[in-house]
Amino acid sequence: MNHPVSKIVSGQPDVLRRRLAKGALALPVVLATLASKPVLGAAPYNCTISGALSGNTSTHGQEAPCSSLGLSPGYWKNHDYDWRTVNPNAAFKTVFADAYWWISQNANEVELCPAQYQNCAPDPTLMQVLTSTAGMRPNLNYPALARAAVASLLNAYKFAPDYPLTPNQVVAMFNAVYLGGSYEINPATSWGPSQVMTYFESLYTGP
């Protein structure tokens, strides 16, 4: 790999907060990675992890439309020339966890499989994961989460420092939850896979 990379449904901010907060205290804690204030200084507060949780914008300026901050998986799969420091043909496991194998559906799409699943091949690329179909055999490991994670990684590189997440945070969040675990926000709050995906998706518009 020849580029430096280390090993969240859009809508109104109050709707996002309700969805993320629901059940957050009941999830187990498996990882601690907190947002860095210096890195997030230019990002709209209500779109950061802390802002999404607290809803407190009284001392942080006016709320911004979070869905305008990034670009969707649909954009990124059709604009590979804009991937900057990330190689579309790099294996997914060289950036994120070794989470998936794959099987071809047609010339342009693949279906993701759990690692070592029968009749599937190892090491899908980042682009293959991004263009994977909605299904999975069996229906585990959140392929939609993987697509959102790849888009979020690319957004984090392209729009830094105005994007609420760093590339390392995107990777850490996906790796913590793709098997059903949780991502610790603080000692009292953690997010599961659906909450992480909701947050990722809140930061862009479109499929």
C-alpha atoms as a PDB file:
ATOM      1  CA  MET A   1       0.000   0.000   0.000  1.00  0.00           C
ATOM      2  CA  ASN A   2       1.534   3.261  -1.086  1.00  0.00           C
ATOM      3  CA  HIS A   3      -0.452   5.811   0.865  1.00  0.00           C
ATOM      4  CA  PRO A   4      -0.485   6.811   4.554  1.00  0.00           C
ATOM      5  CA  VAL A   5      -3.498   5.288   6.225  1.00  0.00           C
ATOM      6  CA  SER A   6      -3.644   3.928   9.775  1.00  0.00           C
ATOM      7  CA  LYS A   7      -4.596   0.472  11.237  1.00  0.00           C
ATOM      8  CA  ILE A   8     -23.261   7.039  10.628  1.00  0.00           C
ATOM      9  CA  VAL A   9     -29.446   8.406   8.014  1.00  0.00           C
ATOM     10  CA  SER A  10     -29.321  12.048   7.139  1.00  0.00           C
ATOM     11  CA  GLY A  11     -31.926  14.337   8.703  1.00  0.00           C
ATOM     12  CA  GLN A  12     -32.455  17.039  11.279  1.00  0.00           C
ATOM     13  CA  PRO A  13     -29.937  17.109  14.132  1.00  0.00           C
ATOM     14  CA  ASP A  14     -32.588  16.518  16.814  1.00  0.00           C
ATOM     15  CA  VAL A  15     -33.796  13.376  15.027  1.00  0.00           C
ATOM     16  CA  LEU A  16     -30.240  12.100  14.809  1.00  0.00           C
ATOM     17  CA  ARG A  17     -29.658  12.711  18.497  1.00  0.00           C
ATOM     18  CA  ARG A  18     -32.774  10.787  19.486  1.00  0.00           C
ATOM     19  CA  ARG A  19     -31.763   7.824  17.331  1.00  0.00           C
ATOM     20  CA  LEU A  20     -28.210   7.776  18.615  1.00  0.00           C
ATOM     21  CA  ALA A  21     -29.137   8.222  22.260  1.00  0.00           C
ATOM     22  CA  LYS A  22     -31.698   5.412  22.230  1.00  0.00           C
ATOM     23  CA  GLY A  23     -30.205   2.409  23.960  1.00  0.00           C
ATOM     24  CA  ALA A  24     -26.713   3.858  24.096  1.00  0.00           C
ATOM     25  CA  LEU A  25     -26.260   3.224  27.810  1.00  0.00           C
ATOM     26  CA  ALA A  26     -27.158  -0.445  27.484  1.00  0.00           C
ATOM     27  CA  LEU A  27     -24.380  -1.365  25.063  1.00  0.00           C
ATOM     28  CA  PRO A  28     -21.123  -2.961  26.233  1.00  0.00           C
ATOM     29  CA  VAL A  29     -17.931  -0.974  26.123  1.00  0.00           C
ATOM     30  CA  VAL A  30     -15.119  -2.430  24.038  1.00  0.00           C
ATOM     31  CA  LEU A  31     -13.108   0.522  22.755  1.00  0.00           C
ATOM     32  CA  ALA A  32     -12.247   4.072  23.804  1.00  0.00           C
ATOM     33  CA  THR A  33     -11.446   6.614  21.072  1.00  0.00           C
ATOM     34  CA  LEU A  34     -12.528  10.198  21.766  1.00  0.00           C
ATOM     35  CA  ALA A  35     -12.921  13.075  19.331  1.00  0.00           C
ATOM     36  CA  SER A  36      -9.956  15.426  19.353  1.00  0.00           C
ATOM     37  CA  LYS A  37     -11.009  19.039  19.907  1.00  0.00           C
ATOM     38  CA  PRO A  38      -8.039  20.560  18.060  1.00  0.00           C
ATOM     39  CA  VAL A  39      -8.789  18.466  14.959  1.00  0.00           C
ATOM     40  CA  LEU A  40     -12.525  19.163  15.184  1.00  0.00           C
ATOM     41  CA  GLY A  41     -12.110  22.891  15.764  1.00  0.00           C
ATOM     42  CA  ALA A  42     -13.349  23.908  12.307  1.00  0.00           C
ATOM     43  CA  ALA A  43     -16.246  21.431  12.141  1.00  0.00           C
ATOM     44  CA  PRO A  44     -19.781  22.607  13.074  1.00  0.00           C
ATOM     45  CA  TYR A  45     -20.253  21.655  16.704  1.00  0.00           C
ATOM     46  CA  ASN A  46     -23.711  20.125  16.274  1.00  0.00           C
ATOM     47  CA  CYS A  47     -22.238  17.723  13.708  1.00  0.00           C
ATOM     48  CA  THR A  48     -19.436  16.433  15.933  1.00  0.00           C
ATOM     49  CA  ILE A  49     -19.886  13.367  18.113  1.00  0.00           C
ATOM     50  CA  SER A  50     -20.152  15.551  21.210  1.00  0.00           C
ATOM     51  CA  GLY A  51     -22.668  17.847  19.554  1.00  0.00           C
ATOM     52  CA  ALA A  52     -24.805  14.965  18.316  1.00  0.00           C
ATOM     53  CA  LEU A  53     -24.945  13.593  21.839  1.00  0.00           C
ATOM     54  CA  SER A  54     -25.520  16.791  23.788  1.00  0.00           C
ATOM     55  CA  GLY A  55     -27.586  18.944  21.480  1.00  0.00           C
ATOM     56  CA  ASN A  56     -26.055  21.930  23.257  1.00  0.00           C
ATOM     57  CA  THR A  57     -25.371  24.642  20.680  1.00  0.00           C
ATOM     58  CA  SER A  58     -25.994  27.653  22.904  1.00  0.00           C
ATOM     59  CA  THR A  59     -22.281  28.353  23.300  1.00  0.00           C
ATOM     60  CA  HIS A  60     -21.104  26.887  20.020  1.00  0.00           C
ATOM     61  CA  GLY A  61     -22.846  29.062  17.426  1.00  0.00           C
ATOM     62  CA  GLN A  62     -25.705  28.262  15.074  1.00  0.00           C
ATOM     63  CA  GLU A  63     -26.456  24.694  14.012  1.00  0.00           C
ATOM     64  CA  ALA A  64     -25.230  23.683  10.562  1.00  0.00           C
ATOM     65  CA  PRO A  65     -26.817  21.129   8.170  1.00  0.00           C
ATOM     66  CA  CYS A  66     -24.583  18.118   8.813  1.00  0.00           C
ATOM     67  CA  SER A  67     -25.598  16.355   5.589  1.00  0.00           C
ATOM     68  CA  SER A  68     -23.801  19.063   3.595  1.00  0.00           C
ATOM     69  CA  LEU A  69     -20.389  18.215   5.044  1.00  0.00           C
ATOM     70  CA  GLY A  70     -19.486  15.152   2.980  1.00  0.00           C
ATOM     71  CA  LEU A  71     -20.140  13.149  -0.172  1.00  0.00           C
ATOM     72  CA  SER A  72     -22.088   9.891  -0.426  1.00  0.00           C
ATOM     73  CA  PRO A  73     -20.929   6.371  -1.352  1.00  0.00           C
ATOM     74  CA  GLY A  74     -22.719   6.961  -4.684  1.00  0.00           C
ATOM     75  CA  TYR A  75     -20.434   9.893  -5.412  1.00  0.00           C
ATOM     76  CA  TRP A  76     -17.255   8.151  -4.404  1.00  0.00           C
ATOM     77  CA  LYS A  77     -17.851   4.992  -6.442  1.00  0.00           C
ATOM     78  CA  ASN A  78     -18.195   7.143  -9.574  1.00  0.00           C
ATOM     79  CA  HIS A  79     -15.303   9.512  -8.872  1.00  0.00           C
ATOM     80  CA  ASP A  80     -12.317   7.345  -8.057  1.00  0.00           C
ATOM     81  CA  TYR A  81      -9.975  10.046  -9.398  1.00  0.00           C
ATOM     82  CA  ASP A  82     -10.979  12.125  -6.349  1.00  0.00           C
ATOM     83  CA  TRP A  83      -9.827   9.543  -3.782  1.00  0.00           C
ATOM     84  CA  ARG A  84      -6.631  11.514  -3.135  1.00  0.00           C
ATOM     85  CA  THR A  85      -4.372   9.671  -0.698  1.00  0.00           C
ATOM     86  CA  VAL A  86      -6.478   6.479  -0.730  1.00  0.00           C
ATOM     87  CA  ASN A  87      -6.006   3.830  -3.418  1.00  0.00           C
ATOM     88  CA  PRO A  88      -9.370   2.414  -4.649  1.00  0.00           C
ATOM     89  CA  ASN A  89      -7.636  -0.890  -5.390  1.00  0.00           C
ATOM     90  CA  ALA A  90      -6.144  -1.278  -1.931  1.00  0.00           C
ATOM     91  CA  ALA A  91      -7.509  -4.235   0.018  1.00  0.00           C
ATOM     92  CA  PHE A  92     -10.175  -3.227   2.534  1.00  0.00           C
ATOM     93  CA  LYS A  93      -8.267  -5.073   5.255  1.00  0.00           C
ATOM     94  CA  THR A  94      -5.191  -2.873   4.776  1.00  0.00           C
ATOM     95  CA  VAL A  95      -7.205   0.089   6.112  1.00  0.00           C
ATOM     96  CA  PHE A  96     -10.026  -1.406   8.182  1.00  0.00           C
ATOM     97  CA  ALA A  97     -10.355  -4.781   9.916  1.00  0.00           C
ATOM     98  CA  ASP A  98     -10.182  -7.987   7.866  1.00  0.00           C
ATOM     99  CA  ALA A  99     -13.996  -8.056   7.922  1.00  0.00           C
ATOM    100  CA  TYR A 100     -15.115  -9.388   4.536  1.00  0.00           C
ATOM    101  CA  TRP A 101     -14.639 -11.771   1.661  1.00  0.00           C
ATOM    102  CA  TRP A 102     -16.547 -11.306  -1.607  1.00  0.00           C
ATOM    103  CA  ILE A 103     -18.332 -13.007  -4.506  1.00  0.00           C
ATOM    104  CA  SER A 104     -19.068 -11.506  -7.916  1.00  0.00           C
ATOM    105  CA  GLN A 105     -22.679 -10.627  -8.829  1.00  0.00           C
ATOM    106  CA  ASN A 106     -21.999  -9.109 -12.256  1.00  0.00           C
ATOM    107  CA  ALA A 107     -19.285  -7.149 -14.010  1.00  0.00           C
ATOM    108  CA  ASN A 108     -19.764  -4.114 -11.765  1.00  0.00           C
ATOM    109  CA  GLU A 109     -21.018  -5.385  -8.396  1.00  0.00           C
ATOM    110  CA  VAL A 110     -19.984  -7.834  -5.719  1.00  0.00           C
ATOM    111  CA  GLU A 111     -21.705  -9.260  -2.672  1.00  0.00           C
ATOM    112  CA  LEU A 112     -19.849  -9.284   0.611  1.00  0.00           C
ATOM    113  CA  CYS A 113     -19.363 -12.432   2.649  1.00  0.00           C
ATOM    114  CA  PRO A 114     -18.101 -13.073   6.170  1.00  0.00           C
ATOM    115  CA  ALA A 115     -14.428 -13.979   6.215  1.00  0.00           C
ATOM    116  CA  GLN A 116     -13.745 -17.522   4.981  1.00  0.00           C
ATOM    117  CA  TYR A 117     -17.362 -18.028   3.828  1.00  0.00           C
ATOM    118  CA  GLN A 118     -17.851 -20.817   1.295  1.00  0.00           C
ATOM    119  CA  ASN A 119     -17.383 -20.007  -2.410  1.00  0.00           C
ATOM    120  CA  CYS A 120     -16.207 -16.483  -1.599  1.00  0.00           C
ATOM    121  CA  ALA A 121     -12.820 -14.952  -2.346  1.00  0.00           C
ATOM    122  CA  PRO A 122     -10.622 -13.089   0.144  1.00  0.00           C
ATOM    123  CA  ASP A 123      -9.485  -9.500   0.216  1.00  0.00           C
ATOM    124  CA  PRO A 124     -12.101  -7.290  -1.483  1.00  0.00           C
ATOM    125  CA  THR A 125     -10.773  -3.880  -2.423  1.00  0.00           C
ATOM    126  CA  LEU A 126     -12.060  -0.630  -0.980  1.00  0.00           C
ATOM    127  CA  MET A 127     -13.876   0.021  -4.266  1.00  0.00           C
ATOM    128  CA  GLN A 128     -15.459  -3.450  -4.252  1.00  0.00           C
ATOM    129  CA  VAL A 129     -16.753  -2.887  -0.725  1.00  0.00           C
ATOM    130  CA  LEU A 130     -18.048   0.547  -1.709  1.00  0.00           C
ATOM    131  CA  THR A 131     -19.931  -0.863  -4.725  1.00  0.00           C
ATOM    132  CA  SER A 132     -21.194  -3.999  -2.980  1.00  0.00           C
ATOM    133  CA  THR A 133     -24.872  -4.896  -3.167  1.00  0.00           C
ATOM    134  CA  ALA A 134     -27.313  -4.551  -0.270  1.00  0.00           C
ATOM    135  CA  GLY A 135     -27.355  -8.264   0.484  1.00  0.00           C
ATOM    136  CA  MET A 136     -24.840 -10.466   2.187  1.00  0.00           C
ATOM    137  CA  ARG A 137     -24.419 -14.182   2.629  1.00  0.00           C
ATOM    138  CA  PRO A 138     -25.473 -14.690   5.357  1.00  0.00           C
ATOM    139  CA  ASN A 139     -26.993 -11.334   6.339  1.00  0.00           C
ATOM    140  CA  LEU A 140     -24.346 -10.407   8.912  1.00  0.00           C
ATOM    141  CA  ASN A 141     -21.588  -7.904   9.480  1.00  0.00           C
ATOM    142  CA  TYR A 142     -23.441  -4.844   8.190  1.00  0.00           C
ATOM    143  CA  PRO A 143     -22.316  -4.343   4.567  1.00  0.00           C
ATOM    144  CA  ALA A 144     -24.128  -0.967   4.505  1.00  0.00           C
ATOM    145  CA  LEU A 145     -21.960   0.066   7.441  1.00  0.00           C
ATOM    146  CA  ALA A 146     -18.872  -0.817   5.409  1.00  0.00           C
ATOM    147  CA  ARG A 147     -20.005   1.321   2.476  1.00  0.00           C
ATOM    148  CA  ALA A 148     -20.696   4.232   4.842  1.00  0.00           C
ATOM    149  CA  ALA A 149     -17.301   3.736   6.465  1.00  0.00           C
ATOM    150  CA  VAL A 150     -15.402   3.896   3.158  1.00  0.00           C
ATOM    151  CA  ALA A 151     -17.282   7.064   2.152  1.00  0.00           C
ATOM    152  CA  SER A 152     -16.616   8.586   5.563  1.00  0.00           C
ATOM    153  CA  LEU A 153     -12.914   7.790   5.307  1.00  0.00           C
ATOM    154  CA  LEU A 154     -12.719   9.539   1.942  1.00  0.00           C
ATOM    155  CA  ASN A 155     -14.688  12.507   3.272  1.00  0.00           C
ATOM    156  CA  ALA A 156     -12.370  12.772   6.257  1.00  0.00           C
ATOM    157  CA  TYR A 157      -9.375  13.086   3.938  1.00  0.00           C
ATOM    158  CA  LYS A 158     -10.989  15.406   1.395  1.00  0.00           C
ATOM    159  CA  PHE A 159     -12.659  17.864   3.776  1.00  0.00           C
ATOM    160  CA  ALA A 160     -10.197  18.055   6.683  1.00  0.00           C
ATOM    161  CA  PRO A 161     -10.196  19.947   8.990  1.00  0.00           C
ATOM    162  CA  ASP A 162     -13.859  20.881   8.397  1.00  0.00           C
ATOM    163  CA  TYR A 163     -15.086  17.284   8.637  1.00  0.00           C
ATOM    164  CA  PRO A 164     -16.166  16.101  12.126  1.00  0.00           C
ATOM    165  CA  LEU A 165     -14.102  12.897  11.955  1.00  0.00           C
ATOM    166  CA  THR A 166     -10.483  12.103  11.240  1.00  0.00           C
ATOM    167  CA  PRO A 167      -9.570   9.072   9.097  1.00  0.00           C
ATOM    168  CA  ASN A 168      -8.297   7.260  12.195  1.00  0.00           C
ATOM    169  CA  GLN A 169     -11.609   7.831  13.985  1.00  0.00           C
ATOM    170  CA  VAL A 170     -13.598   6.435  11.057  1.00  0.00           C
ATOM    171  CA  VAL A 171     -11.454   3.299  11.069  1.00  0.00           C
ATOM    172  CA  ALA A 172     -11.677   2.903  14.846  1.00  0.00           C
ATOM    173  CA  MET A 173     -15.477   3.276  14.850  1.00  0.00           C
ATOM    174  CA  PHE A 174     -15.987   0.672  12.118  1.00  0.00           C
ATOM    175  CA  ASN A 175     -13.529  -1.796  13.616  1.00  0.00           C
ATOM    176  CA  ALA A 176     -15.188  -1.536  17.026  1.00  0.00           C
ATOM    177  CA  VAL A 177     -18.731  -2.356  15.836  1.00  0.00           C
ATOM    178  CA  TYR A 178     -18.738  -4.404  12.625  1.00  0.00           C
ATOM    179  CA  LEU A 179     -19.041  -7.689  14.533  1.00  0.00           C
ATOM    180  CA  GLY A 180     -21.796  -6.281  16.764  1.00  0.00           C
ATOM    181  CA  GLY A 181     -19.575  -4.669  19.386  1.00  0.00           C
ATOM    182  CA  SER A 182     -19.706  -1.079  20.575  1.00  0.00           C
ATOM    183  CA  TYR A 183     -17.709   2.131  20.265  1.00  0.00           C
ATOM    184  CA  GLU A 184     -17.168   4.012  23.515  1.00  0.00           C
ATOM    185  CA  ILE A 185     -17.907   7.730  23.402  1.00  0.00           C
ATOM    186  CA  ASN A 186     -17.303   8.293  27.110  1.00  0.00           C
ATOM    187  CA  PRO A 187     -17.427   6.054  30.204  1.00  0.00           C
ATOM    188  CA  ALA A 188     -21.249   6.301  30.305  1.00  0.00           C
ATOM    189  CA  THR A 189     -22.123   6.157  26.589  1.00  0.00           C
ATOM    190  CA  SER A 190     -21.309   3.880  23.670  1.00  0.00           C
ATOM    191  CA  TRP A 191     -22.701   3.290  20.170  1.00  0.00           C
ATOM    192  CA  GLY A 192     -23.511   0.010  18.456  1.00  0.00           C
ATOM    193  CA  PRO A 193     -23.331  -0.719  14.703  1.00  0.00           C
ATOM    194  CA  SER A 194     -26.635   0.934  13.739  1.00  0.00           C
ATOM    195  CA  GLN A 195     -25.786   4.063  15.701  1.00  0.00           C
ATOM    196  CA  VAL A 196     -22.346   4.370  14.165  1.00  0.00           C
ATOM    197  CA  MET A 197     -23.849   3.902  10.698  1.00  0.00           C
ATOM    198  CA  THR A 198     -26.532   6.518  11.445  1.00  0.00           C
ATOM    199  CA  TYR A 199     -23.837   8.983  12.409  1.00  0.00           C
ATOM    200  CA  PHE A 200     -21.714   8.246   9.351  1.00  0.00           C
ATOM    201  CA  GLU A 201     -24.760   8.681   7.081  1.00  0.00           C
ATOM    202  CA  SER A 202     -25.815  11.922   8.769  1.00  0.00           C
ATOM    203  CA  LEU A 203     -22.680  13.592   7.407  1.00  0.00           C
ATOM    204  CA  TYR A 204     -23.591  13.249   3.722  1.00  0.00           C
ATOM    205  CA  THR A 205     -26.637  13.320   1.436  1.00  0.00           C
ATOM    206  CA  GLY A 206     -27.605  10.668  -1.073  1.00  0.00           C
ATOM    207  CA  PRO A 207     -27.229   6.908  -1.557  1.00  0.00           C
END
